Amino acid sequence: MSRADPPPRLVERRLQLTTERIRRYGSLTEDPNPIHYDPAFAAMTPFGKPIAQGTLTLSALWAAVTATFGPDGMAGMAADLRFIKPVVENDTVTGKGELIATSPPTYRVAVVDSSGAPVVEGQLIWPDVEIGNV
């Protein structure tokens, strides 16, 4: 799909945030925070169990953009995003978005948890240029 004629919605993408995925992501990003991998530590927090890294949670949104616009879909994109609440391990999140302006293409976006509650909200905006001219 083209940014010149943006679709009304992003293709939704789901991501299960398993314990193993959270641990692997933490290892890859060198994130030592025990809130992500230590159940005993996490039990002492308001969340009660390990939570996913915020940037891992965003992967569902990035997958939605890629599914909609292809592998270069994020080129030149500006993001204004807010983390609303954490996602506990073994939940599934969905990245989605709705077109709210066409010039420049602007989407109201969200990542929601399995109950439909938003965990990330914001906007993605692309400049009025074609991919490759960024």
N, C-alpha and C. Protein backbone atom coordinates (compact mmCIF):
# COMPACT_ATOMS: atom_id res chain seq x y z
N MET A 1 0.84 -1.18 0.00
CA MET A 1 0.00 0.00 0.00
C MET A 1 0.88 1.24 0.00
N SER A 2 0.35 2.30 -0.52
CA SER A 2 1.13 3.52 -0.70
C SER A 2 0.73 4.58 0.32
N ARG A 3 1.70 5.38 0.68
CA ARG A 3 1.38 6.52 1.54
C ARG A 3 0.64 7.60 0.77
N ALA A 4 0.74 7.58 -0.57
CA ALA A 4 0.02 8.56 -1.39
C ALA A 4 -1.49 8.32 -1.31
N ASP A 5 -1.88 7.10 -1.06
CA ASP A 5 -3.29 6.73 -0.91
C ASP A 5 -3.40 5.83 0.32
N PRO A 6 -3.25 6.41 1.52
CA PRO A 6 -3.17 5.58 2.72
C PRO A 6 -4.50 4.87 3.02
N PRO A 7 -4.42 3.63 3.48
CA PRO A 7 -5.64 2.90 3.82
C PRO A 7 -6.29 3.47 5.08
N PRO A 8 -7.58 3.22 5.27
CA PRO A 8 -8.27 3.78 6.43
C PRO A 8 -7.82 3.19 7.77
N ARG A 9 -7.25 1.99 7.73
CA ARG A 9 -6.78 1.35 8.96
C ARG A 9 -5.48 0.60 8.69
N LEU A 10 -4.67 0.48 9.74
CA LEU A 10 -3.50 -0.38 9.66
C LEU A 10 -3.97 -1.83 9.76
N VAL A 11 -3.23 -2.72 9.14
CA VAL A 11 -3.49 -4.16 9.29
C VAL A 11 -3.13 -4.52 10.72
N GLU A 12 -4.08 -5.07 11.47
CA GLU A 12 -3.81 -5.40 12.88
C GLU A 12 -2.85 -6.57 12.98
N ARG A 13 -1.96 -6.48 13.98
CA ARG A 13 -1.02 -7.56 14.25
C ARG A 13 -1.01 -7.86 15.74
N ARG A 14 -1.00 -9.16 16.05
CA ARG A 14 -0.99 -9.61 17.45
C ARG A 14 0.38 -10.18 17.80
N LEU A 15 0.71 -10.05 19.08
CA LEU A 15 1.97 -10.57 19.58
C LEU A 15 1.74 -11.12 20.98
N GLN A 16 2.05 -12.39 21.18
CA GLN A 16 1.95 -12.98 22.52
C GLN A 16 3.25 -12.72 23.25
N LEU A 17 3.14 -12.11 24.41
CA LEU A 17 4.32 -11.74 25.20
C LEU A 17 4.58 -12.83 26.24
N THR A 18 5.09 -13.94 25.75
CA THR A 18 5.37 -15.08 26.61
C THR A 18 6.55 -14.78 27.53
N THR A 19 6.65 -15.57 28.57
CA THR A 19 7.78 -15.45 29.49
C THR A 19 9.09 -15.60 28.73
N GLU A 20 9.16 -16.58 27.85
CA GLU A 20 10.39 -16.82 27.09
C GLU A 20 10.70 -15.65 26.16
N ARG A 21 9.71 -15.09 25.50
CA ARG A 21 9.95 -13.95 24.60
C ARG A 21 10.46 -12.74 25.39
N ILE A 22 9.88 -12.51 26.55
CA ILE A 22 10.32 -11.39 27.40
C ILE A 22 11.76 -11.60 27.84
N ARG A 23 12.10 -12.81 28.23
CA ARG A 23 13.48 -13.10 28.66
C ARG A 23 14.47 -12.94 27.51
N ARG A 24 14.12 -13.47 26.33
CA ARG A 24 15.01 -13.35 25.18
C ARG A 24 15.20 -11.89 24.77
N TYR A 25 14.12 -11.13 24.79
CA TYR A 25 14.21 -9.72 24.42
C TYR A 25 15.09 -8.97 25.43
N GLY A 26 14.91 -9.27 26.71
CA GLY A 26 15.74 -8.65 27.74
C GLY A 26 17.21 -8.97 27.56
N SER A 27 17.51 -10.21 27.19
CA SER A 27 18.90 -10.60 26.95
C SER A 27 19.46 -9.87 25.73
N LEU A 28 18.69 -9.81 24.67
CA LEU A 28 19.12 -9.15 23.44
C LEU A 28 19.39 -7.67 23.66
N THR A 29 18.55 -7.02 24.46
CA THR A 29 18.68 -5.57 24.67
C THR A 29 19.49 -5.22 25.92
N GLU A 30 20.02 -6.25 26.57
CA GLU A 30 20.82 -6.07 27.79
C GLU A 30 20.06 -5.29 28.86
N ASP A 31 18.79 -5.67 29.04
CA ASP A 31 17.94 -5.06 30.05
C ASP A 31 17.97 -5.92 31.31
N PRO A 32 18.67 -5.48 32.37
CA PRO A 32 18.81 -6.30 33.56
C PRO A 32 17.68 -6.13 34.59
N ASN A 33 16.67 -5.32 34.29
CA ASN A 33 15.64 -5.03 35.28
C ASN A 33 14.88 -6.30 35.66
N PRO A 34 14.92 -6.68 36.95
CA PRO A 34 14.27 -7.93 37.38
C PRO A 34 12.75 -7.91 37.26
N ILE A 35 12.14 -6.76 37.06
CA ILE A 35 10.68 -6.70 36.88
C ILE A 35 10.25 -7.50 35.65
N HIS A 36 11.20 -7.74 34.73
CA HIS A 36 10.88 -8.44 33.50
C HIS A 36 11.09 -9.95 33.58
N TYR A 37 11.89 -10.43 34.54
CA TYR A 37 12.23 -11.86 34.51
C TYR A 37 12.26 -12.56 35.86
N ASP A 38 12.11 -11.83 36.95
CA ASP A 38 12.21 -12.44 38.27
C ASP A 38 10.84 -12.45 38.95
N PRO A 39 10.15 -13.60 38.95
CA PRO A 39 8.81 -13.66 39.54
C PRO A 39 8.77 -13.26 41.02
N ALA A 40 9.80 -13.61 41.79
CA ALA A 40 9.83 -13.24 43.21
C ALA A 40 9.92 -11.73 43.37
N PHE A 41 10.78 -11.10 42.58
CA PHE A 41 10.89 -9.64 42.62
C PHE A 41 9.58 -8.99 42.17
N ALA A 42 9.05 -9.47 41.04
CA ALA A 42 7.83 -8.88 40.48
C ALA A 42 6.64 -9.04 41.43
N ALA A 43 6.62 -10.11 42.22
CA ALA A 43 5.53 -10.33 43.17
C ALA A 43 5.46 -9.23 44.22
N MET A 44 6.58 -8.56 44.46
CA MET A 44 6.62 -7.48 45.46
C MET A 44 6.25 -6.12 44.86
N THR A 45 5.94 -6.08 43.58
CA THR A 45 5.58 -4.83 42.92
C THR A 45 4.06 -4.75 42.76
N PRO A 46 3.55 -3.59 42.40
CA PRO A 46 2.10 -3.47 42.19
C PRO A 46 1.57 -4.36 41.06
N PHE A 47 2.45 -4.83 40.19
CA PHE A 47 2.01 -5.64 39.05
C PHE A 47 1.81 -7.10 39.42
N GLY A 48 2.51 -7.58 40.45
CA GLY A 48 2.34 -8.93 40.94
C GLY A 48 3.07 -10.02 40.19
N LYS A 49 3.43 -9.76 38.96
CA LYS A 49 4.20 -10.72 38.18
C LYS A 49 5.00 -9.96 37.12
N PRO A 50 5.94 -10.64 36.46
CA PRO A 50 6.78 -9.94 35.49
C PRO A 50 5.96 -9.24 34.40
N ILE A 51 6.52 -8.13 33.94
CA ILE A 51 5.90 -7.36 32.86
C ILE A 51 6.84 -7.30 31.66
N ALA A 52 6.26 -7.10 30.50
CA ALA A 52 7.05 -6.99 29.27
C ALA A 52 7.72 -5.62 29.19
N GLN A 53 8.84 -5.58 28.50
CA GLN A 53 9.51 -4.32 28.22
C GLN A 53 8.59 -3.49 27.32
N GLY A 54 8.57 -2.18 27.56
CA GLY A 54 7.73 -1.30 26.75
C GLY A 54 8.07 -1.37 25.28
N THR A 55 9.35 -1.43 24.97
CA THR A 55 9.76 -1.48 23.57
C THR A 55 9.37 -2.81 22.91
N LEU A 56 9.30 -3.89 23.68
CA LEU A 56 8.81 -5.15 23.15
C LEU A 56 7.31 -5.04 22.84
N THR A 57 6.58 -4.41 23.73
CA THR A 57 5.15 -4.20 23.52
C THR A 57 4.90 -3.44 22.21
N LEU A 58 5.75 -2.47 21.91
CA LEU A 58 5.62 -1.69 20.68
C LEU A 58 5.80 -2.54 19.42
N SER A 59 6.41 -3.69 19.55
CA SER A 59 6.64 -4.55 18.38
C SER A 59 5.34 -4.88 17.65
N ALA A 60 4.23 -4.98 18.38
CA ALA A 60 2.95 -5.25 17.73
C ALA A 60 2.54 -4.10 16.81
N LEU A 61 2.84 -2.87 17.23
CA LEU A 61 2.53 -1.71 16.39
C LEU A 61 3.43 -1.66 15.17
N TRP A 62 4.72 -1.90 15.38
CA TRP A 62 5.66 -1.89 14.25
C TRP A 62 5.29 -2.98 13.24
N ALA A 63 4.83 -4.12 13.74
CA ALA A 63 4.39 -5.20 12.84
C ALA A 63 3.16 -4.77 12.03
N ALA A 64 2.26 -4.01 12.65
CA ALA A 64 1.07 -3.51 11.93
C ALA A 64 1.48 -2.54 10.83
N VAL A 65 2.43 -1.66 11.11
CA VAL A 65 2.91 -0.71 10.09
C VAL A 65 3.56 -1.47 8.93
N THR A 66 4.40 -2.44 9.25
CA THR A 66 5.08 -3.22 8.22
C THR A 66 4.07 -4.02 7.39
N ALA A 67 3.08 -4.61 8.04
CA ALA A 67 2.06 -5.37 7.31
C ALA A 67 1.25 -4.47 6.38
N THR A 68 1.11 -3.22 6.74
CA THR A 68 0.32 -2.28 5.94
C THR A 68 1.13 -1.66 4.81
N PHE A 69 2.36 -1.23 5.11
CA PHE A 69 3.14 -0.44 4.15
C PHE A 69 4.38 -1.15 3.62
N GLY A 70 4.68 -2.34 4.12
CA GLY A 70 5.86 -3.05 3.65
C GLY A 70 7.08 -2.77 4.50
N PRO A 71 8.22 -3.39 4.15
CA PRO A 71 9.41 -3.32 4.99
C PRO A 71 10.01 -1.92 5.13
N ASP A 72 9.74 -1.02 4.20
CA ASP A 72 10.25 0.35 4.31
C ASP A 72 9.19 1.30 4.87
N GLY A 73 8.12 0.75 5.39
CA GLY A 73 6.98 1.55 5.82
C GLY A 73 7.24 2.57 6.90
N MET A 74 8.26 2.36 7.71
CA MET A 74 8.53 3.30 8.79
C MET A 74 9.49 4.41 8.38
N ALA A 75 9.99 4.37 7.15
CA ALA A 75 10.94 5.39 6.70
C ALA A 75 10.32 6.78 6.80
N GLY A 76 10.98 7.67 7.51
CA GLY A 76 10.53 9.04 7.64
C GLY A 76 9.40 9.26 8.63
N MET A 77 8.95 8.22 9.27
CA MET A 77 7.82 8.30 10.19
C MET A 77 8.19 9.06 11.47
N ALA A 78 7.25 9.86 11.95
CA ALA A 78 7.38 10.49 13.27
C ALA A 78 6.37 9.81 14.20
N ALA A 79 6.78 9.56 15.42
CA ALA A 79 5.90 8.88 16.38
C ALA A 79 5.74 9.72 17.63
N ASP A 80 4.51 9.87 18.07
CA ASP A 80 4.19 10.51 19.35
C ASP A 80 3.38 9.48 20.13
N LEU A 81 4.06 8.77 21.03
CA LEU A 81 3.45 7.64 21.72
C LEU A 81 3.55 7.78 23.23
N ARG A 82 2.53 7.26 23.92
CA ARG A 82 2.52 7.26 25.38
C ARG A 82 2.25 5.84 25.88
N PHE A 83 3.04 5.45 26.85
CA PHE A 83 2.81 4.16 27.50
C PHE A 83 1.76 4.39 28.58
N ILE A 84 0.63 3.69 28.49
CA ILE A 84 -0.50 3.88 29.39
C ILE A 84 -0.40 2.97 30.61
N LYS A 85 -0.10 1.70 30.37
CA LYS A 85 0.02 0.74 31.47
C LYS A 85 0.88 -0.43 31.02
N PRO A 86 1.46 -1.15 31.98
CA PRO A 86 2.33 -2.28 31.63
C PRO A 86 1.51 -3.49 31.17
N VAL A 87 2.21 -4.39 30.52
CA VAL A 87 1.60 -5.64 30.06
C VAL A 87 2.27 -6.78 30.82
N VAL A 88 1.47 -7.60 31.49
CA VAL A 88 2.03 -8.72 32.25
C VAL A 88 2.39 -9.86 31.30
N GLU A 89 3.32 -10.69 31.76
CA GLU A 89 3.76 -11.81 30.94
C GLU A 89 2.59 -12.70 30.55
N ASN A 90 2.73 -13.29 29.38
CA ASN A 90 1.77 -14.23 28.80
C ASN A 90 0.46 -13.59 28.33
N ASP A 91 0.42 -12.27 28.27
CA ASP A 91 -0.73 -11.60 27.67
C ASP A 91 -0.45 -11.45 26.17
N THR A 92 -1.48 -11.21 25.41
CA THR A 92 -1.36 -10.96 23.97
C THR A 92 -1.75 -9.52 23.70
N VAL A 93 -0.93 -8.83 22.92
CA VAL A 93 -1.21 -7.45 22.57
C VAL A 93 -1.49 -7.36 21.07
N THR A 94 -2.23 -6.33 20.69
CA THR A 94 -2.57 -6.09 19.29
C THR A 94 -2.22 -4.66 18.93
N GLY A 95 -1.49 -4.50 17.83
CA GLY A 95 -1.18 -3.18 17.31
C GLY A 95 -2.19 -2.82 16.23
N LYS A 96 -2.72 -1.59 16.30
CA LYS A 96 -3.71 -1.17 15.32
C LYS A 96 -3.68 0.33 15.15
N GLY A 97 -4.34 0.82 14.10
CA GLY A 97 -4.37 2.25 13.86
C GLY A 97 -5.46 2.63 12.88
N GLU A 98 -5.92 3.88 13.01
CA GLU A 98 -6.98 4.42 12.17
C GLU A 98 -6.51 5.73 11.57
N LEU A 99 -6.69 5.89 10.27
CA LEU A 99 -6.30 7.10 9.56
C LEU A 99 -7.16 8.27 10.04
N ILE A 100 -6.50 9.37 10.46
CA ILE A 100 -7.25 10.54 10.91
C ILE A 100 -6.96 11.77 10.05
N ALA A 101 -5.93 11.71 9.20
CA ALA A 101 -5.62 12.80 8.27
C ALA A 101 -4.85 12.20 7.09
N THR A 102 -5.02 12.81 5.92
CA THR A 102 -4.34 12.28 4.74
C THR A 102 -3.15 13.12 4.30
N SER A 103 -3.05 14.35 4.75
CA SER A 103 -1.94 15.19 4.32
C SER A 103 -1.40 16.00 5.49
N PRO A 104 -0.32 15.53 6.09
CA PRO A 104 0.37 14.28 5.82
C PRO A 104 -0.39 13.09 6.41
N PRO A 105 -0.14 11.89 5.89
CA PRO A 105 -0.81 10.71 6.44
C PRO A 105 -0.55 10.58 7.94
N THR A 106 -1.64 10.55 8.70
CA THR A 106 -1.56 10.51 10.16
C THR A 106 -2.53 9.44 10.67
N TYR A 107 -2.02 8.59 11.53
CA TYR A 107 -2.84 7.53 12.12
C TYR A 107 -2.90 7.70 13.63
N ARG A 108 -4.10 7.57 14.19
CA ARG A 108 -4.25 7.40 15.64
C ARG A 108 -4.00 5.92 15.88
N VAL A 109 -3.04 5.61 16.73
CA VAL A 109 -2.62 4.22 16.91
C VAL A 109 -2.74 3.80 18.37
N ALA A 110 -2.78 2.50 18.55
CA ALA A 110 -2.81 1.93 19.89
C ALA A 110 -2.26 0.52 19.86
N VAL A 111 -1.75 0.13 21.00
CA VAL A 111 -1.49 -1.27 21.29
C VAL A 111 -2.44 -1.58 22.44
N VAL A 112 -3.24 -2.62 22.28
CA VAL A 112 -4.20 -3.00 23.32
C VAL A 112 -3.87 -4.38 23.85
N ASP A 113 -4.23 -4.62 25.11
CA ASP A 113 -4.00 -5.94 25.68
C ASP A 113 -5.16 -6.87 25.34
N SER A 114 -5.14 -8.07 25.87
CA SER A 114 -6.15 -9.07 25.51
C SER A 114 -7.56 -8.69 25.96
N SER A 115 -7.69 -7.77 26.91
CA SER A 115 -9.01 -7.31 27.33
C SER A 115 -9.49 -6.14 26.48
N GLY A 116 -8.63 -5.66 25.58
CA GLY A 116 -8.98 -4.51 24.75
C GLY A 116 -8.57 -3.18 25.34
N ALA A 117 -7.96 -3.20 26.52
CA ALA A 117 -7.52 -1.97 27.17
C ALA A 117 -6.24 -1.45 26.52
N PRO A 118 -6.17 -0.15 26.25
CA PRO A 118 -4.95 0.40 25.64
C PRO A 118 -3.77 0.34 26.60
N VAL A 119 -2.62 -0.07 26.07
CA VAL A 119 -1.39 -0.06 26.84
C VAL A 119 -0.40 0.95 26.27
N VAL A 120 -0.58 1.29 24.98
CA VAL A 120 0.18 2.34 24.31
C VAL A 120 -0.82 3.08 23.42
N GLU A 121 -0.73 4.42 23.41
CA GLU A 121 -1.57 5.23 22.53
C GLU A 121 -0.75 6.34 21.92
N GLY A 122 -1.19 6.83 20.77
CA GLY A 122 -0.51 7.97 20.17
C GLY A 122 -0.84 8.15 18.71
N GLN A 123 0.11 8.79 18.01
CA GLN A 123 -0.05 9.06 16.58
C GLN A 123 1.23 8.71 15.85
N LEU A 124 1.05 8.28 14.61
CA LEU A 124 2.16 8.10 13.68
C LEU A 124 1.90 9.02 12.50
N ILE A 125 2.92 9.78 12.10
CA ILE A 125 2.78 10.75 11.03
C ILE A 125 3.91 10.52 10.03
N TRP A 126 3.56 10.53 8.73
CA TRP A 126 4.55 10.41 7.67
C TRP A 126 4.60 11.73 6.90
N PRO A 127 5.80 12.18 6.54
CA PRO A 127 5.90 13.40 5.72
C PRO A 127 5.35 13.12 4.32
N ASP A 128 5.03 14.18 3.60
CA ASP A 128 4.51 14.03 2.24
C ASP A 128 5.63 13.79 1.25
N VAL A 129 6.33 12.66 1.41
CA VAL A 129 7.37 12.25 0.47
C VAL A 129 7.20 10.77 0.21
N GLU A 130 7.67 10.33 -0.92
CA GLU A 130 7.62 8.91 -1.24
C GLU A 130 8.80 8.19 -0.60
N ILE A 131 8.62 6.92 -0.32
CA ILE A 131 9.71 6.10 0.20
C ILE A 131 10.87 6.17 -0.78
N GLY A 132 12.06 6.32 -0.27
CA GLY A 132 13.25 6.44 -1.11
C GLY A 132 13.69 7.88 -1.27
N ASN A 133 12.80 8.81 -0.99
CA ASN A 133 13.14 10.23 -1.06
C ASN A 133 13.31 10.85 0.32
N VAL A 134 13.36 10.00 1.32
CA VAL A 134 13.47 10.48 2.70
C VAL A 134 14.91 10.80 3.00
